[in-house]
Amino acid sequence: YLSIYLSIYLSIYLSIYLSIYLSIYLSIYLSIYLSIYLSIYLSIYLSIYLSIYLSIYLSMMHLLLNFEF
């Protein structure tokens, strides 16, 4: 009887420990992966947005300069 109780207790303890360990590991891994992915995505998005904005601004300046002269 006591061996069955100990095995059940050990299995529950191990499952709880493994779940906590896996959750911590997954959260750390996901945070690192998400930060890297978001930084890359944001840099690409910002560069594209800035290039489009600069091209529009330069074309408008070009049109304004051509219109003035």
PDB file of N, CA and C in Angstrom:
ATOM      1  N   TYR A   1       0.838  -1.204   0.000  1.00  0.00           N
ATOM      2  CA  TYR A   1       0.000   0.000   0.000  1.00  0.00           C
ATOM      3  C   TYR A   1       0.870   1.249   0.000  1.00  0.00           C
ATOM      4  N   LEU A   2       1.898   1.224   0.811  1.00  0.00           N
ATOM      5  CA  LEU A   2       2.745   2.404   0.916  1.00  0.00           C
ATOM      6  C   LEU A   2       3.572   2.613  -0.349  1.00  0.00           C
ATOM      7  N   SER A   3       3.945   1.562  -0.995  1.00  0.00           N
ATOM      8  CA  SER A   3       4.711   1.695  -2.238  1.00  0.00           C
ATOM      9  C   SER A   3       3.846   2.311  -3.343  1.00  0.00           C
ATOM     10  N   ILE A   4       2.590   1.916  -3.391  1.00  0.00           N
ATOM     11  CA  ILE A   4       1.669   2.512  -4.369  1.00  0.00           C
ATOM     12  C   ILE A   4       1.491   4.001  -4.079  1.00  0.00           C
ATOM     13  N   TYR A   5       1.339   4.330  -2.814  1.00  0.00           N
ATOM     14  CA  TYR A   5       1.187   5.732  -2.427  1.00  0.00           C
ATOM     15  C   TYR A   5       2.434   6.537  -2.796  1.00  0.00           C
ATOM     16  N   LEU A   6       3.595   5.960  -2.554  1.00  0.00           N
ATOM     17  CA  LEU A   6       4.844   6.647  -2.878  1.00  0.00           C
ATOM     18  C   LEU A   6       5.023   6.808  -4.387  1.00  0.00           C
ATOM     19  N   SER A   7       4.640   5.821  -5.132  1.00  0.00           N
ATOM     20  CA  SER A   7       4.775   5.926  -6.587  1.00  0.00           C
ATOM     21  C   SER A   7       3.836   7.001  -7.145  1.00  0.00           C
ATOM     22  N   ILE A   8       2.618   7.042  -6.612  1.00  0.00           N
ATOM     23  CA  ILE A   8       1.669   8.075  -7.044  1.00  0.00           C
ATOM     24  C   ILE A   8       2.182   9.465  -6.664  1.00  0.00           C
ATOM     25  N   TYR A   9       2.695   9.573  -5.449  1.00  0.00           N
ATOM     26  CA  TYR A   9       3.219  10.859  -4.993  1.00  0.00           C
ATOM     27  C   TYR A   9       4.411  11.298  -5.840  1.00  0.00           C
ATOM     28  N   LEU A  10       5.274  10.357  -6.154  1.00  0.00           N
ATOM     29  CA  LEU A  10       6.444  10.682  -6.968  1.00  0.00           C
ATOM     30  C   LEU A  10       6.056  11.053  -8.400  1.00  0.00           C
ATOM     31  N   SER A  11       5.090  10.375  -8.935  1.00  0.00           N
ATOM     32  CA  SER A  11       4.659  10.697 -10.297  1.00  0.00           C
ATOM     33  C   SER A  11       4.022  12.089 -10.355  1.00  0.00           C
ATOM     34  N   ILE A  12       3.211  12.400  -9.339  1.00  0.00           N
ATOM     35  CA  ILE A  12       2.592  13.728  -9.283  1.00  0.00           C
ATOM     36  C   ILE A  12       3.661  14.809  -9.111  1.00  0.00           C
ATOM     37  N   TYR A  13       4.614  14.548  -8.229  1.00  0.00           N
ATOM     38  CA  TYR A  13       5.680  15.514  -7.985  1.00  0.00           C
ATOM     39  C   TYR A  13       6.523  15.719  -9.240  1.00  0.00           C
ATOM     40  N   LEU A  14       6.823  14.634  -9.921  1.00  0.00           N
ATOM     41  CA  LEU A  14       7.629  14.736 -11.138  1.00  0.00           C
ATOM     42  C   LEU A  14       6.870  15.441 -12.260  1.00  0.00           C
ATOM     43  N   SER A  15       5.612  15.181 -12.360  1.00  0.00           N
ATOM     44  CA  SER A  15       4.831  15.842 -13.406  1.00  0.00           C
ATOM     45  C   SER A  15       4.727  17.347 -13.149  1.00  0.00           C
ATOM     46  N   ILE A  16       4.512  17.708 -11.879  1.00  0.00           N
ATOM     47  CA  ILE A  16       4.447  19.132 -11.531  1.00  0.00           C
ATOM     48  C   ILE A  16       5.793  19.808 -11.782  1.00  0.00           C
ATOM     49  N   TYR A  17       6.863  19.141 -11.372  1.00  0.00           N
ATOM     50  CA  TYR A  17       8.200  19.702 -11.571  1.00  0.00           C
ATOM     51  C   TYR A  17       8.515  19.846 -13.054  1.00  0.00           C
ATOM     52  N   LEU A  18       8.169  18.835 -13.826  1.00  0.00           N
ATOM     53  CA  LEU A  18       8.441  18.890 -15.263  1.00  0.00           C
ATOM     54  C   LEU A  18       7.599  19.956 -15.957  1.00  0.00           C
ATOM     55  N   SER A  19       6.377  20.101 -15.531  1.00  0.00           N
ATOM     56  CA  SER A  19       5.528  21.119 -16.152  1.00  0.00           C
ATOM     57  C   SER A  19       6.037  22.527 -15.834  1.00  0.00           C
ATOM     58  N   ILE A  20       6.452  22.737 -14.584  1.00  0.00           N
ATOM     59  CA  ILE A  20       6.996  24.042 -14.203  1.00  0.00           C
ATOM     60  C   ILE A  20       8.286  24.324 -14.971  1.00  0.00           C
ATOM     61  N   TYR A  21       9.145  23.318 -15.045  1.00  0.00           N
ATOM     62  CA  TYR A  21      10.412  23.492 -15.754  1.00  0.00           C
ATOM     63  C   TYR A  21      10.181  23.761 -17.238  1.00  0.00           C
ATOM     64  N   LEU A  22       9.260  23.027 -17.815  1.00  0.00           N
ATOM     65  CA  LEU A  22       8.972  23.212 -19.237  1.00  0.00           C
ATOM     66  C   LEU A  22       8.331  24.569 -19.511  1.00  0.00           C
ATOM     67  N   SER A  23       7.474  24.993 -18.617  1.00  0.00           N
ATOM     68  CA  SER A  23       6.840  26.298 -18.819  1.00  0.00           C
ATOM     69  C   SER A  23       7.862  27.434 -18.721  1.00  0.00           C
ATOM     70  N   ILE A  24       8.759  27.325 -17.735  1.00  0.00           N
ATOM     71  CA  ILE A  24       9.797  28.351 -17.596  1.00  0.00           C
ATOM     72  C   ILE A  24      10.716  28.348 -18.814  1.00  0.00           C
ATOM     73  N   TYR A  25      11.126  27.155 -19.235  1.00  0.00           N
ATOM     74  CA  TYR A  25      12.020  27.051 -20.385  1.00  0.00           C
ATOM     75  C   TYR A  25      11.348  27.566 -21.652  1.00  0.00           C
ATOM     76  N   LEU A  26      10.096  27.211 -21.825  1.00  0.00           N
ATOM     77  CA  LEU A  26       9.377  27.651 -23.017  1.00  0.00           C
ATOM     78  C   LEU A  26       9.126  29.158 -23.008  1.00  0.00           C
ATOM     79  N   SER A  27       8.855  29.689 -21.852  1.00  0.00           N
ATOM     80  CA  SER A  27       8.625  31.134 -21.779  1.00  0.00           C
ATOM     81  C   SER A  27       9.902  31.908 -22.093  1.00  0.00           C
ATOM     82  N   ILE A  28      11.026  31.430 -21.546  1.00  0.00           N
ATOM     83  CA  ILE A  28      12.300  32.095 -21.831  1.00  0.00           C
ATOM     84  C   ILE A  28      12.641  31.977 -23.318  1.00  0.00           C
ATOM     85  N   TYR A  29      12.477  30.773 -23.854  1.00  0.00           N
ATOM     86  CA  TYR A  29      12.799  30.557 -25.262  1.00  0.00           C
ATOM     87  C   TYR A  29      11.886  31.376 -26.166  1.00  0.00           C
ATOM     88  N   LEU A  30      10.612  31.413 -25.824  1.00  0.00           N
ATOM     89  CA  LEU A  30       9.660  32.162 -26.638  1.00  0.00           C
ATOM     90  C   LEU A  30       9.896  33.667 -26.546  1.00  0.00           C
ATOM     91  N   SER A  31      10.269  34.128 -25.384  1.00  0.00           N
ATOM     92  CA  SER A  31      10.531  35.561 -25.248  1.00  0.00           C
ATOM     93  C   SER A  31      11.756  35.968 -26.064  1.00  0.00           C
ATOM     94  N   ILE A  32      12.798  35.141 -25.999  1.00  0.00           N
ATOM     95  CA  ILE A  32      13.998  35.443 -26.785  1.00  0.00           C
ATOM     96  C   ILE A  32      13.686  35.385 -28.280  1.00  0.00           C
ATOM     97  N   TYR A  33      12.966  34.337 -28.679  1.00  0.00           N
ATOM     98  CA  TYR A  33      12.640  34.181 -30.099  1.00  0.00           C
ATOM     99  C   TYR A  33      11.738  35.314 -30.581  1.00  0.00           C
ATOM    100  N   LEU A  34      10.769  35.678 -29.756  1.00  0.00           N
ATOM    101  CA  LEU A  34       9.852  36.742 -30.147  1.00  0.00           C
ATOM    102  C   LEU A  34      10.544  38.102 -30.192  1.00  0.00           C
ATOM    103  N   SER A  35      11.456  38.327 -29.278  1.00  0.00           N
ATOM    104  CA  SER A  35      12.166  39.605 -29.294  1.00  0.00           C
ATOM    105  C   SER A  35      13.042  39.719 -30.540  1.00  0.00           C
ATOM    106  N   ILE A  36      13.732  38.627 -30.875  1.00  0.00           N
ATOM    107  CA  ILE A  36      14.572  38.650 -32.078  1.00  0.00           C
ATOM    108  C   ILE A  36      13.710  38.819 -33.329  1.00  0.00           C
ATOM    109  N   TYR A  37      12.624  38.051 -33.380  1.00  0.00           N
ATOM    110  CA  TYR A  37      11.752  38.114 -34.551  1.00  0.00           C
ATOM    111  C   TYR A  37      11.101  39.490 -34.682  1.00  0.00           C
ATOM    112  N   LEU A  38      10.670  40.045 -33.561  1.00  0.00           N
ATOM    113  CA  LEU A  38      10.021  41.350 -33.603  1.00  0.00           C
ATOM    114  C   LEU A  38      11.007  42.456 -33.954  1.00  0.00           C
ATOM    115  N   SER A  39      12.225  42.344 -33.467  1.00  0.00           N
ATOM    116  CA  SER A  39      13.215  43.369 -33.801  1.00  0.00           C
ATOM    117  C   SER A  39      13.553  43.326 -35.289  1.00  0.00           C
ATOM    118  N   ILE A  40      13.705  42.113 -35.833  1.00  0.00           N
ATOM    119  CA  ILE A  40      13.990  41.991 -37.262  1.00  0.00           C
ATOM    120  C   ILE A  40      12.808  42.504 -38.086  1.00  0.00           C
ATOM    121  N   TYR A  41      11.603  42.099 -37.679  1.00  0.00           N
ATOM    122  CA  TYR A  41      10.414  42.516 -38.417  1.00  0.00           C
ATOM    123  C   TYR A  41      10.222  44.031 -38.345  1.00  0.00           C
ATOM    124  N   LEU A  42      10.451  44.600 -37.169  1.00  0.00           N
ATOM    125  CA  LEU A  42      10.284  46.041 -37.015  1.00  0.00           C
ATOM    126  C   LEU A  42      11.343  46.815 -37.792  1.00  0.00           C
ATOM    127  N   SER A  43      12.554  46.305 -37.822  1.00  0.00           N
ATOM    128  CA  SER A  43      13.596  46.994 -38.580  1.00  0.00           C
ATOM    129  C   SER A  43      13.296  46.958 -40.077  1.00  0.00           C
ATOM    130  N   ILE A  44      12.841  45.796 -40.566  1.00  0.00           N
ATOM    131  CA  ILE A  44      12.490  45.693 -41.984  1.00  0.00           C
ATOM    132  C   ILE A  44      11.310  46.613 -42.305  1.00  0.00           C
ATOM    133  N   TYR A  45      10.309  46.587 -41.429  1.00  0.00           N
ATOM    134  CA  TYR A  45       9.130  47.422 -41.662  1.00  0.00           C
ATOM    135  C   TYR A  45       9.487  48.908 -41.625  1.00  0.00           C
ATOM    136  N   LEU A  46      10.330  49.292 -40.684  1.00  0.00           N
ATOM    137  CA  LEU A  46      10.720  50.691 -40.575  1.00  0.00           C
ATOM    138  C   LEU A  46      11.564  51.127 -41.764  1.00  0.00           C
ATOM    139  N   SER A  47      12.426  50.263 -42.230  1.00  0.00           N
ATOM    140  CA  SER A  47      13.248  50.622 -43.383  1.00  0.00           C
ATOM    141  C   SER A  47      12.388  50.783 -44.638  1.00  0.00           C
ATOM    142  N   ILE A  48      11.437  49.867 -44.827  1.00  0.00           N
ATOM    143  CA  ILE A  48      10.539  49.977 -45.987  1.00  0.00           C
ATOM    144  C   ILE A  48       9.691  51.245 -45.887  1.00  0.00           C
ATOM    145  N   TYR A  49       9.168  51.485 -44.680  1.00  0.00           N
ATOM    146  CA  TYR A  49       8.330  52.666 -44.494  1.00  0.00           C
ATOM    147  C   TYR A  49       9.130  53.952 -44.701  1.00  0.00           C
ATOM    148  N   LEU A  50      10.342  53.977 -44.191  1.00  0.00           N
ATOM    149  CA  LEU A  50      11.173  55.164 -44.346  1.00  0.00           C
ATOM    150  C   LEU A  50      11.582  55.377 -45.797  1.00  0.00           C
ATOM    151  N   SER A  51      11.863  54.308 -46.500  1.00  0.00           N
ATOM    152  CA  SER A  51      12.241  54.455 -47.906  1.00  0.00           C
ATOM    153  C   SER A  51      11.063  54.975 -48.734  1.00  0.00           C
ATOM    154  N   ILE A  52       9.875  54.448 -48.470  1.00  0.00           N
ATOM    155  CA  ILE A  52       8.686  54.925 -49.188  1.00  0.00           C
ATOM    156  C   ILE A  52       8.418  56.394 -48.856  1.00  0.00           C
ATOM    157  N   TYR A  53       8.533  56.718 -47.572  1.00  0.00           N
ATOM    158  CA  TYR A  53       8.290  58.100 -47.162  1.00  0.00           C
ATOM    159  C   TYR A  53       9.320  59.048 -47.774  1.00  0.00           C
ATOM    160  N   LEU A  54      10.570  58.612 -47.801  1.00  0.00           N
ATOM    161  CA  LEU A  54      11.615  59.449 -48.380  1.00  0.00           C
ATOM    162  C   LEU A  54      11.443  59.603 -49.883  1.00  0.00           C
ATOM    163  N   SER A  55      11.042  58.560 -50.547  1.00  0.00           N
ATOM    164  CA  SER A  55      10.835  58.662 -51.995  1.00  0.00           C
ATOM    165  C   SER A  55       9.671  59.603 -52.308  1.00  0.00           C
ATOM    166  N   ILE A  56       8.600  59.488 -51.542  1.00  0.00           N
ATOM    167  CA  ILE A  56       7.458  60.390 -51.743  1.00  0.00           C
ATOM    168  C   ILE A  56       7.863  61.835 -51.448  1.00  0.00           C
ATOM    169  N   TYR A  57       8.610  62.005 -50.373  1.00  0.00           N
ATOM    170  CA  TYR A  57       9.037  63.356 -50.009  1.00  0.00           C
ATOM    171  C   TYR A  57       9.961  63.949 -51.071  1.00  0.00           C
ATOM    172  N   LEU A  58      10.871  63.136 -51.566  1.00  0.00           N
ATOM    173  CA  LEU A  58      11.794  63.628 -52.590  1.00  0.00           C
ATOM    174  C   LEU A  58      11.078  63.924 -53.900  1.00  0.00           C
ATOM    175  N   SER A  59      10.128  63.095 -54.238  1.00  0.00           N
ATOM    176  CA  SER A  59       9.378  63.352 -55.472  1.00  0.00           C
ATOM    177  C   SER A  59       8.535  64.621 -55.338  1.00  0.00           C
ATOM    178  N   MET A  60       7.951  64.828 -54.168  1.00  0.00           N
ATOM    179  CA  MET A  60       7.186  66.047 -53.947  1.00  0.00           C
ATOM    180  C   MET A  60       8.083  67.277 -53.995  1.00  0.00           C
ATOM    181  N   MET A  61       9.261  67.171 -53.402  1.00  0.00           N
ATOM    182  CA  MET A  61      10.198  68.290 -53.461  1.00  0.00           C
ATOM    183  C   MET A  61      10.642  68.544 -54.901  1.00  0.00           C
ATOM    184  N   HIS A  62      10.850  67.466 -55.617  1.00  0.00           N
ATOM    185  CA  HIS A  62      11.236  67.605 -57.014  1.00  0.00           C
ATOM    186  C   HIS A  62      10.130  68.277 -57.824  1.00  0.00           C
ATOM    187  N   LEU A  63       8.906  67.871 -57.586  1.00  0.00           N
ATOM    188  CA  LEU A  63       7.776  68.480 -58.285  1.00  0.00           C
ATOM    189  C   LEU A  63       7.615  69.949 -57.898  1.00  0.00           C
ATOM    190  N   LEU A  64       7.813  70.238 -56.631  1.00  0.00           N
ATOM    191  CA  LEU A  64       7.686  71.626 -56.188  1.00  0.00           C
ATOM    192  C   LEU A  64       8.792  72.498 -56.776  1.00  0.00           C
ATOM    193  N   LEU A  65       9.991  71.951 -56.828  1.00  0.00           N
ATOM    194  CA  LEU A  65      11.093  72.719 -57.403  1.00  0.00           C
ATOM    195  C   LEU A  65      10.898  72.916 -58.898  1.00  0.00           C
ATOM    196  N   ASN A  66      10.400  71.895 -59.559  1.00  0.00           N
ATOM    197  CA  ASN A  66      10.135  72.040 -60.992  1.00  0.00           C
ATOM    198  C   ASN A  66       8.979  72.997 -61.246  1.00  0.00           C
ATOM    199  N   PHE A  67       8.052  72.996 -60.329  1.00  0.00           N
ATOM    200  CA  PHE A  67       6.911  73.888 -60.498  1.00  0.00           C
ATOM    201  C   PHE A  67       7.310  75.340 -60.253  1.00  0.00           C
ATOM    202  N   GLU A  68       8.221  75.557 -59.330  1.00  0.00           N
ATOM    203  CA  GLU A  68       8.626  76.924 -59.025  1.00  0.00           C
ATOM    204  C   GLU A  68       9.489  77.488 -60.145  1.00  0.00           C
ATOM    205  N   PHE A  69      10.438  76.671 -60.592  1.00  0.00           N
ATOM    206  CA  PHE A  69      11.324  77.214 -61.627  1.00  0.00           C
ATOM    207  C   PHE A  69      10.726  76.986 -63.009  1.00  0.00           C
TER     208      PHE A  69
END
